[in-house]
Amino acid sequence: MSIKFLAEDDRPREKFLSKGKNSLSDSELLAIIMGSGNKDETAVELARKILASVNNNWHQLSLLSLKDLMKFKGIGEVKAISIVTALEIGRRRAEQQLPEKRIISGSNDAYLILKNHLSDLRTEEFWAIFLNQSNKVIHLTQLTQGGINQSIVDIRILFRTALDHYSTGIIIAHNHPSGNLKPSTDDLDITQKIKEAGNMLSIQLLDHLIITQNSYLSFSDEGLL
């Protein structure tokens, strides 16, 4: 359905979905927070009026109390709380520093991240570390959980996750509950398939670790990639 046929209060949401958050004006963002306007004004028109009262300045808007906001027709207690809450989240976010992403410079760095997840398990699990171009960890996840001898990973899910996180490199890992570090034929086969799929998507398979209770084997270190 075209945006022009939508109710006025629904248009900012549709624009968000079709064009992304960066396409929205300040008044459209505020309109989404409010959800609706009043009988005379759409949510966007009401948001525009509220912002104009503070010279279109978010910092000035954050100084308004619930009572100040409720002076605007169509702003009840619930909407006022929603606005103040959103602004408070923004304030707290601005105060926080971005967490430092861990950098993977070799197989041991990856092992230190994964060993607590994989070293003491009685069944096999398959995990992946997703990295950016600077080899910084941007995501870590378990992909499968299997039996005593095998855990099959779906390559499509692996790379869908990589694409969802804009990853340019991945490190895969699974455990051997038996304690045997020697790669099986299936281990070698799935590694090759993942490497080939990654080459097509420009997502490099950096390593594959087999982890036991006390040690690990790196495909990269062993020249198996």
C-alpha atoms as a PDB file:
ATOM      1  CA  MET A   1       0.000   0.000   0.000  1.00  0.00           C
ATOM      2  CA  SER A   2       1.277   3.453  -0.924  1.00  0.00           C
ATOM      3  CA  ILE A   3       2.130   5.773   1.950  1.00  0.00           C
ATOM      4  CA  LYS A   4      -0.329   8.385   0.666  1.00  0.00           C
ATOM      5  CA  PHE A   5      -3.258   6.012   1.259  1.00  0.00           C
ATOM      6  CA  LEU A   6      -2.305   5.347   4.882  1.00  0.00           C
ATOM      7  CA  ALA A   7      -3.779   7.155   7.877  1.00  0.00           C
ATOM      8  CA  GLU A   8      -1.687  10.202   8.691  1.00  0.00           C
ATOM      9  CA  ASP A   9      -0.499   8.744  12.001  1.00  0.00           C
ATOM     10  CA  ASP A  10       0.734   5.571  10.281  1.00  0.00           C
ATOM     11  CA  ARG A  11       2.860   7.262   7.626  1.00  0.00           C
ATOM     12  CA  PRO A  12       6.011   7.839   9.723  1.00  0.00           C
ATOM     13  CA  ARG A  13       6.055   4.141  10.643  1.00  0.00           C
ATOM     14  CA  GLU A  14       5.669   3.117   7.022  1.00  0.00           C
ATOM     15  CA  LYS A  15       8.444   5.521   6.033  1.00  0.00           C
ATOM     16  CA  PHE A  16      10.643   3.983   8.743  1.00  0.00           C
ATOM     17  CA  LEU A  17      10.028   0.515   7.317  1.00  0.00           C
ATOM     18  CA  SER A  18      10.492   1.468   3.671  1.00  0.00           C
ATOM     19  CA  LYS A  19      13.326   4.000   3.895  1.00  0.00           C
ATOM     20  CA  GLY A  20      14.969   3.472   7.279  1.00  0.00           C
ATOM     21  CA  LYS A  21      15.264   5.487  10.475  1.00  0.00           C
ATOM     22  CA  ASN A  22      17.685   8.029   9.010  1.00  0.00           C
ATOM     23  CA  SER A  23      15.036   9.194   6.548  1.00  0.00           C
ATOM     24  CA  LEU A  24      12.726  10.437   9.295  1.00  0.00           C
ATOM     25  CA  SER A  25      12.522  14.068  10.343  1.00  0.00           C
ATOM     26  CA  ASP A  26      12.604  15.033  14.017  1.00  0.00           C
ATOM     27  CA  SER A  27       8.852  15.564  14.015  1.00  0.00           C
ATOM     28  CA  GLU A  28       8.272  12.136  12.456  1.00  0.00           C
ATOM     29  CA  LEU A  29      10.445  10.480  15.104  1.00  0.00           C
ATOM     30  CA  LEU A  30       8.512  12.224  17.863  1.00  0.00           C
ATOM     31  CA  ALA A  31       5.239  11.297  16.172  1.00  0.00           C
ATOM     32  CA  ILE A  32       6.165   7.608  16.305  1.00  0.00           C
ATOM     33  CA  ILE A  33       6.884   7.923  20.027  1.00  0.00           C
ATOM     34  CA  MET A  34       3.497   9.572  20.620  1.00  0.00           C
ATOM     35  CA  GLY A  35       1.587   7.176  18.381  1.00  0.00           C
ATOM     36  CA  SER A  36      -1.264   9.536  17.565  1.00  0.00           C
ATOM     37  CA  GLY A  37      -2.252  13.184  17.490  1.00  0.00           C
ATOM     38  CA  ASN A  38      -5.547  14.764  18.473  1.00  0.00           C
ATOM     39  CA  LYS A  39      -8.867  15.313  16.702  1.00  0.00           C
ATOM     40  CA  ASP A  40      -7.537  18.427  14.971  1.00  0.00           C
ATOM     41  CA  GLU A  41      -3.906  17.467  14.313  1.00  0.00           C
ATOM     42  CA  THR A  42      -2.054  14.427  13.118  1.00  0.00           C
ATOM     43  CA  ALA A  43       0.766  13.032  15.225  1.00  0.00           C
ATOM     44  CA  VAL A  44       3.302  14.676  12.914  1.00  0.00           C
ATOM     45  CA  GLU A  45       1.581  18.061  13.124  1.00  0.00           C
ATOM     46  CA  LEU A  46       1.381  17.860  16.895  1.00  0.00           C
ATOM     47  CA  ALA A  47       5.021  16.775  17.096  1.00  0.00           C
ATOM     48  CA  ARG A  48       6.005  19.694  14.889  1.00  0.00           C
ATOM     49  CA  LYS A  49       4.179  22.100  17.224  1.00  0.00           C
ATOM     50  CA  ILE A  50       5.846  20.633  20.324  1.00  0.00           C
ATOM     51  CA  LEU A  51       9.305  20.847  18.788  1.00  0.00           C
ATOM     52  CA  ALA A  52       8.699  24.399  17.577  1.00  0.00           C
ATOM     53  CA  SER A  53       7.949  25.421  21.166  1.00  0.00           C
ATOM     54  CA  VAL A  54      11.525  24.473  22.126  1.00  0.00           C
ATOM     55  CA  ASN A  55      13.171  25.840  18.971  1.00  0.00           C
ATOM     56  CA  ASN A  56      13.416  22.318  17.535  1.00  0.00           C
ATOM     57  CA  ASN A  57      16.021  21.427  20.134  1.00  0.00           C
ATOM     58  CA  TRP A  58      15.951  17.955  21.713  1.00  0.00           C
ATOM     59  CA  HIS A  59      17.942  19.164  24.706  1.00  0.00           C
ATOM     60  CA  GLN A  60      15.360  21.853  25.398  1.00  0.00           C
ATOM     61  CA  LEU A  61      12.565  19.345  24.953  1.00  0.00           C
ATOM     62  CA  SER A  62      14.168  17.095  27.573  1.00  0.00           C
ATOM     63  CA  LEU A  63      13.806  19.928  30.118  1.00  0.00           C
ATOM     64  CA  LEU A  64      10.018  19.923  29.845  1.00  0.00           C
ATOM     65  CA  SER A  65       8.165  18.240  32.675  1.00  0.00           C
ATOM     66  CA  LEU A  66       5.202  15.915  32.308  1.00  0.00           C
ATOM     67  CA  LYS A  67       2.916  18.835  33.152  1.00  0.00           C
ATOM     68  CA  ASP A  68       4.581  21.006  30.497  1.00  0.00           C
ATOM     69  CA  LEU A  69       4.004  18.351  27.854  1.00  0.00           C
ATOM     70  CA  MET A  70       0.432  17.726  28.956  1.00  0.00           C
ATOM     71  CA  LYS A  71      -0.413  21.337  28.176  1.00  0.00           C
ATOM     72  CA  PHE A  72      -0.439  20.387  24.506  1.00  0.00           C
ATOM     73  CA  LYS A  73      -3.825  19.195  23.276  1.00  0.00           C
ATOM     74  CA  GLY A  74      -3.673  15.430  22.708  1.00  0.00           C
ATOM     75  CA  ILE A  75      -0.818  14.809  25.131  1.00  0.00           C
ATOM     76  CA  GLY A  76      -2.052  12.894  28.133  1.00  0.00           C
ATOM     77  CA  GLU A  77      -0.045  11.343  30.895  1.00  0.00           C
ATOM     78  CA  VAL A  78       0.787   8.188  28.921  1.00  0.00           C
ATOM     79  CA  LYS A  79       2.122  10.072  25.892  1.00  0.00           C
ATOM     80  CA  ALA A  80       4.025  12.500  28.097  1.00  0.00           C
ATOM     81  CA  ILE A  81       5.692   9.615  29.928  1.00  0.00           C
ATOM     82  CA  SER A  82       6.585   7.989  26.592  1.00  0.00           C
ATOM     83  CA  ILE A  83       8.273  11.189  25.388  1.00  0.00           C
ATOM     84  CA  VAL A  84      10.202  11.733  28.624  1.00  0.00           C
ATOM     85  CA  THR A  85      11.239   8.062  28.704  1.00  0.00           C
ATOM     86  CA  ALA A  86      12.575   8.153  25.138  1.00  0.00           C
ATOM     87  CA  LEU A  87      14.580  11.290  25.888  1.00  0.00           C
ATOM     88  CA  GLU A  88      15.964   9.752  29.073  1.00  0.00           C
ATOM     89  CA  ILE A  89      17.102   6.672  27.134  1.00  0.00           C
ATOM     90  CA  GLY A  90      18.877   8.988  24.719  1.00  0.00           C
ATOM     91  CA  ARG A  91      20.560  10.813  27.591  1.00  0.00           C
ATOM     92  CA  ARG A  92      21.787   7.610  29.190  1.00  0.00           C
ATOM     93  CA  ARG A  93      23.026   6.298  25.848  1.00  0.00           C
ATOM     94  CA  ALA A  94      25.022   9.488  25.299  1.00  0.00           C
ATOM     95  CA  GLU A  95      26.696   9.036  28.681  1.00  0.00           C
ATOM     96  CA  GLN A  96      27.797   5.498  27.986  1.00  0.00           C
ATOM     97  CA  GLN A  97      31.006   4.667  26.167  1.00  0.00           C
ATOM     98  CA  LEU A  98      30.876   2.103  23.421  1.00  0.00           C
ATOM     99  CA  PRO A  99      32.188  -1.237  24.719  1.00  0.00           C
ATOM    100  CA  GLU A 100      35.601  -2.055  23.334  1.00  0.00           C
ATOM    101  CA  LYS A 101      35.373  -4.885  20.859  1.00  0.00           C
ATOM    102  CA  ARG A 102      37.838  -7.726  21.335  1.00  0.00           C
ATOM    103  CA  ILE A 103      40.395  -8.177  18.557  1.00  0.00           C
ATOM    104  CA  ILE A 104      41.286 -11.626  17.244  1.00  0.00           C
ATOM    105  CA  SER A 105      44.962 -11.719  16.297  1.00  0.00           C
ATOM    106  CA  GLY A 106      45.421 -15.480  16.335  1.00  0.00           C
ATOM    107  CA  SER A 107      43.848 -18.816  17.153  1.00  0.00           C
ATOM    108  CA  ASN A 108      44.536 -18.518  20.880  1.00  0.00           C
ATOM    109  CA  ASP A 109      42.460 -15.319  21.092  1.00  0.00           C
ATOM    110  CA  ALA A 110      39.520 -17.176  19.569  1.00  0.00           C
ATOM    111  CA  TYR A 111      40.086 -20.153  21.859  1.00  0.00           C
ATOM    112  CA  LEU A 112      40.006 -17.952  24.956  1.00  0.00           C
ATOM    113  CA  ILE A 113      36.612 -16.620  23.885  1.00  0.00           C
ATOM    114  CA  LEU A 114      35.155 -20.034  23.055  1.00  0.00           C
ATOM    115  CA  LYS A 115      36.606 -22.407  25.624  1.00  0.00           C
ATOM    116  CA  ASN A 116      34.137 -21.498  28.362  1.00  0.00           C
ATOM    117  CA  HIS A 117      31.292 -22.318  25.988  1.00  0.00           C
ATOM    118  CA  LEU A 118      32.648 -25.566  24.549  1.00  0.00           C
ATOM    119  CA  SER A 119      35.345 -27.232  26.634  1.00  0.00           C
ATOM    120  CA  ASP A 120      33.223 -29.106  29.205  1.00  0.00           C
ATOM    121  CA  LEU A 121      30.251 -30.251  27.119  1.00  0.00           C
ATOM    122  CA  ARG A 122      29.151 -33.865  26.732  1.00  0.00           C
ATOM    123  CA  THR A 123      27.581 -33.293  23.334  1.00  0.00           C
ATOM    124  CA  GLU A 124      28.854 -31.421  20.298  1.00  0.00           C
ATOM    125  CA  GLU A 125      27.941 -27.822  19.643  1.00  0.00           C
ATOM    126  CA  PHE A 126      28.845 -25.583  16.727  1.00  0.00           C
ATOM    127  CA  TRP A 127      29.649 -21.915  17.395  1.00  0.00           C
ATOM    128  CA  ALA A 128      30.800 -18.990  15.299  1.00  0.00           C
ATOM    129  CA  ILE A 129      32.588 -15.717  15.933  1.00  0.00           C
ATOM    130  CA  PHE A 130      31.775 -12.923  13.499  1.00  0.00           C
ATOM    131  CA  LEU A 131      34.353 -10.200  12.888  1.00  0.00           C
ATOM    132  CA  ASN A 132      34.632  -6.887  11.077  1.00  0.00           C
ATOM    133  CA  GLN A 133      37.430  -5.779   8.748  1.00  0.00           C
ATOM    134  CA  SER A 134      39.636  -4.929  11.728  1.00  0.00           C
ATOM    135  CA  ASN A 135      39.223  -8.469  13.118  1.00  0.00           C
ATOM    136  CA  LYS A 136      37.155  -7.113  15.997  1.00  0.00           C
ATOM    137  CA  VAL A 137      34.466  -9.387  17.393  1.00  0.00           C
ATOM    138  CA  ILE A 138      31.016  -8.080  16.546  1.00  0.00           C
ATOM    139  CA  HIS A 139      28.923 -11.170  17.336  1.00  0.00           C
ATOM    140  CA  LEU A 140      29.241 -14.599  18.940  1.00  0.00           C
ATOM    141  CA  THR A 141      26.588 -17.277  18.726  1.00  0.00           C
ATOM    142  CA  GLN A 142      25.798 -20.953  19.044  1.00  0.00           C
ATOM    143  CA  LEU A 143      24.498 -22.308  15.743  1.00  0.00           C
ATOM    144  CA  THR A 144      23.758 -25.962  16.468  1.00  0.00           C
ATOM    145  CA  GLN A 145      23.616 -28.483  19.256  1.00  0.00           C
ATOM    146  CA  GLY A 146      24.004 -32.131  18.389  1.00  0.00           C
ATOM    147  CA  GLY A 147      24.861 -35.589  19.634  1.00  0.00           C
ATOM    148  CA  ILE A 148      27.922 -37.240  21.048  1.00  0.00           C
ATOM    149  CA  ASN A 149      29.807 -37.446  17.767  1.00  0.00           C
ATOM    150  CA  GLN A 150      28.419 -34.790  15.469  1.00  0.00           C
ATOM    151  CA  SER A 151      26.700 -31.421  15.270  1.00  0.00           C
ATOM    152  CA  ILE A 152      25.586 -30.432  11.776  1.00  0.00           C
ATOM    153  CA  VAL A 153      25.650 -26.747  10.886  1.00  0.00           C
ATOM    154  CA  ASP A 154      23.369 -25.199   8.286  1.00  0.00           C
ATOM    155  CA  ILE A 155      25.659 -23.105   6.081  1.00  0.00           C
ATOM    156  CA  ARG A 156      22.759 -20.887   5.048  1.00  0.00           C
ATOM    157  CA  ILE A 157      22.064 -19.890   8.664  1.00  0.00           C
ATOM    158  CA  LEU A 158      25.766 -19.281   9.264  1.00  0.00           C
ATOM    159  CA  PHE A 159      26.077 -16.817   6.407  1.00  0.00           C
ATOM    160  CA  ARG A 160      22.693 -15.233   6.974  1.00  0.00           C
ATOM    161  CA  THR A 161      23.907 -14.388  10.470  1.00  0.00           C
ATOM    162  CA  ALA A 162      27.164 -13.050   9.021  1.00  0.00           C
ATOM    163  CA  LEU A 163      25.267 -10.835   6.585  1.00  0.00           C
ATOM    164  CA  ASP A 164      22.888  -9.631   9.301  1.00  0.00           C
ATOM    165  CA  HIS A 165      25.896  -8.364  11.284  1.00  0.00           C
ATOM    166  CA  TYR A 166      27.817  -7.017   8.269  1.00  0.00           C
ATOM    167  CA  SER A 167      30.635  -9.397   9.073  1.00  0.00           C
ATOM    168  CA  THR A 168      33.632  -9.723   6.751  1.00  0.00           C
ATOM    169  CA  GLY A 169      35.255 -12.632   8.557  1.00  0.00           C
ATOM    170  CA  ILE A 170      34.144 -15.640  10.568  1.00  0.00           C
ATOM    171  CA  ILE A 171      35.761 -18.169  12.862  1.00  0.00           C
ATOM    172  CA  ILE A 172      33.860 -21.394  13.363  1.00  0.00           C
ATOM    173  CA  ALA A 173      34.359 -23.860  16.181  1.00  0.00           C
ATOM    174  CA  HIS A 174      32.990 -27.070  17.576  1.00  0.00           C
ATOM    175  CA  ASN A 175      33.931 -29.357  20.416  1.00  0.00           C
ATOM    176  CA  HIS A 176      34.954 -33.013  20.533  1.00  0.00           C
ATOM    177  CA  PRO A 177      33.596 -34.496  23.778  1.00  0.00           C
ATOM    178  CA  SER A 178      35.795 -37.548  23.195  1.00  0.00           C
ATOM    179  CA  GLY A 179      38.910 -35.428  23.710  1.00  0.00           C
ATOM    180  CA  ASN A 180      40.265 -36.362  20.265  1.00  0.00           C
ATOM    181  CA  LEU A 181      41.611 -33.307  18.443  1.00  0.00           C
ATOM    182  CA  LYS A 182      41.964 -35.010  15.057  1.00  0.00           C
ATOM    183  CA  PRO A 183      39.534 -33.580  12.476  1.00  0.00           C
ATOM    184  CA  SER A 184      37.075 -36.073  11.065  1.00  0.00           C
ATOM    185  CA  THR A 185      36.282 -36.389   7.371  1.00  0.00           C
ATOM    186  CA  ASP A 186      33.040 -34.524   8.039  1.00  0.00           C
ATOM    187  CA  ASP A 187      34.971 -31.734   9.808  1.00  0.00           C
ATOM    188  CA  LEU A 188      37.239 -31.288   6.803  1.00  0.00           C
ATOM    189  CA  ASP A 189      34.314 -31.435   4.374  1.00  0.00           C
ATOM    190  CA  ILE A 190      32.156 -28.833   6.128  1.00  0.00           C
ATOM    191  CA  THR A 191      35.157 -26.542   6.530  1.00  0.00           C
ATOM    192  CA  GLN A 192      35.810 -26.610   2.803  1.00  0.00           C
ATOM    193  CA  LYS A 193      32.147 -25.952   1.991  1.00  0.00           C
ATOM    194  CA  ILE A 194      32.010 -22.995   4.358  1.00  0.00           C
ATOM    195  CA  LYS A 195      35.242 -21.599   2.948  1.00  0.00           C
ATOM    196  CA  GLU A 196      33.926 -21.836  -0.627  1.00  0.00           C
ATOM    197  CA  ALA A 197      30.581 -20.267   0.302  1.00  0.00           C
ATOM    198  CA  GLY A 198      32.399 -17.463   2.092  1.00  0.00           C
ATOM    199  CA  ASN A 199      34.552 -16.757  -0.955  1.00  0.00           C
ATOM    200  CA  MET A 200      31.403 -16.212  -3.027  1.00  0.00           C
ATOM    201  CA  LEU A 201      30.077 -13.706  -0.474  1.00  0.00           C
ATOM    202  CA  SER A 202      33.428 -12.014   0.257  1.00  0.00           C
ATOM    203  CA  ILE A 203      33.230 -13.279   3.832  1.00  0.00           C
ATOM    204  CA  GLN A 204      36.506 -14.956   4.750  1.00  0.00           C
ATOM    205  CA  LEU A 205      36.669 -18.105   6.839  1.00  0.00           C
ATOM    206  CA  LEU A 206      39.577 -17.220   9.097  1.00  0.00           C
ATOM    207  CA  ASP A 207      39.779 -20.386  11.176  1.00  0.00           C
ATOM    208  CA  HIS A 208      38.029 -23.495  12.400  1.00  0.00           C
ATOM    209  CA  LEU A 209      38.759 -24.635  15.945  1.00  0.00           C
ATOM    210  CA  ILE A 210      38.204 -28.057  17.423  1.00  0.00           C
ATOM    211  CA  ILE A 211      38.005 -27.682  21.182  1.00  0.00           C
ATOM    212  CA  THR A 212      38.405 -30.327  23.880  1.00  0.00           C
ATOM    213  CA  GLN A 213      38.422 -30.024  27.636  1.00  0.00           C
ATOM    214  CA  ASN A 214      42.045 -28.956  27.879  1.00  0.00           C
ATOM    215  CA  SER A 215      43.216 -28.027  24.396  1.00  0.00           C
ATOM    216  CA  TYR A 216      42.295 -27.067  20.858  1.00  0.00           C
ATOM    217  CA  LEU A 217      43.297 -27.542  17.251  1.00  0.00           C
ATOM    218  CA  SER A 218      43.341 -24.674  14.749  1.00  0.00           C
ATOM    219  CA  PHE A 219      42.760 -25.479  11.103  1.00  0.00           C
ATOM    220  CA  SER A 220      44.566 -22.276  10.190  1.00  0.00           C
ATOM    221  CA  ASP A 221      47.626 -23.081  12.301  1.00  0.00           C
ATOM    222  CA  GLU A 222      47.727 -26.598  10.888  1.00  0.00           C
ATOM    223  CA  GLY A 223      47.460 -25.432   7.262  1.00  0.00           C
ATOM    224  CA  LEU A 224      44.072 -27.111   6.774  1.00  0.00           C
ATOM    225  CA  LEU A 225      42.237 -24.086   5.370  1.00  0.00           C
END
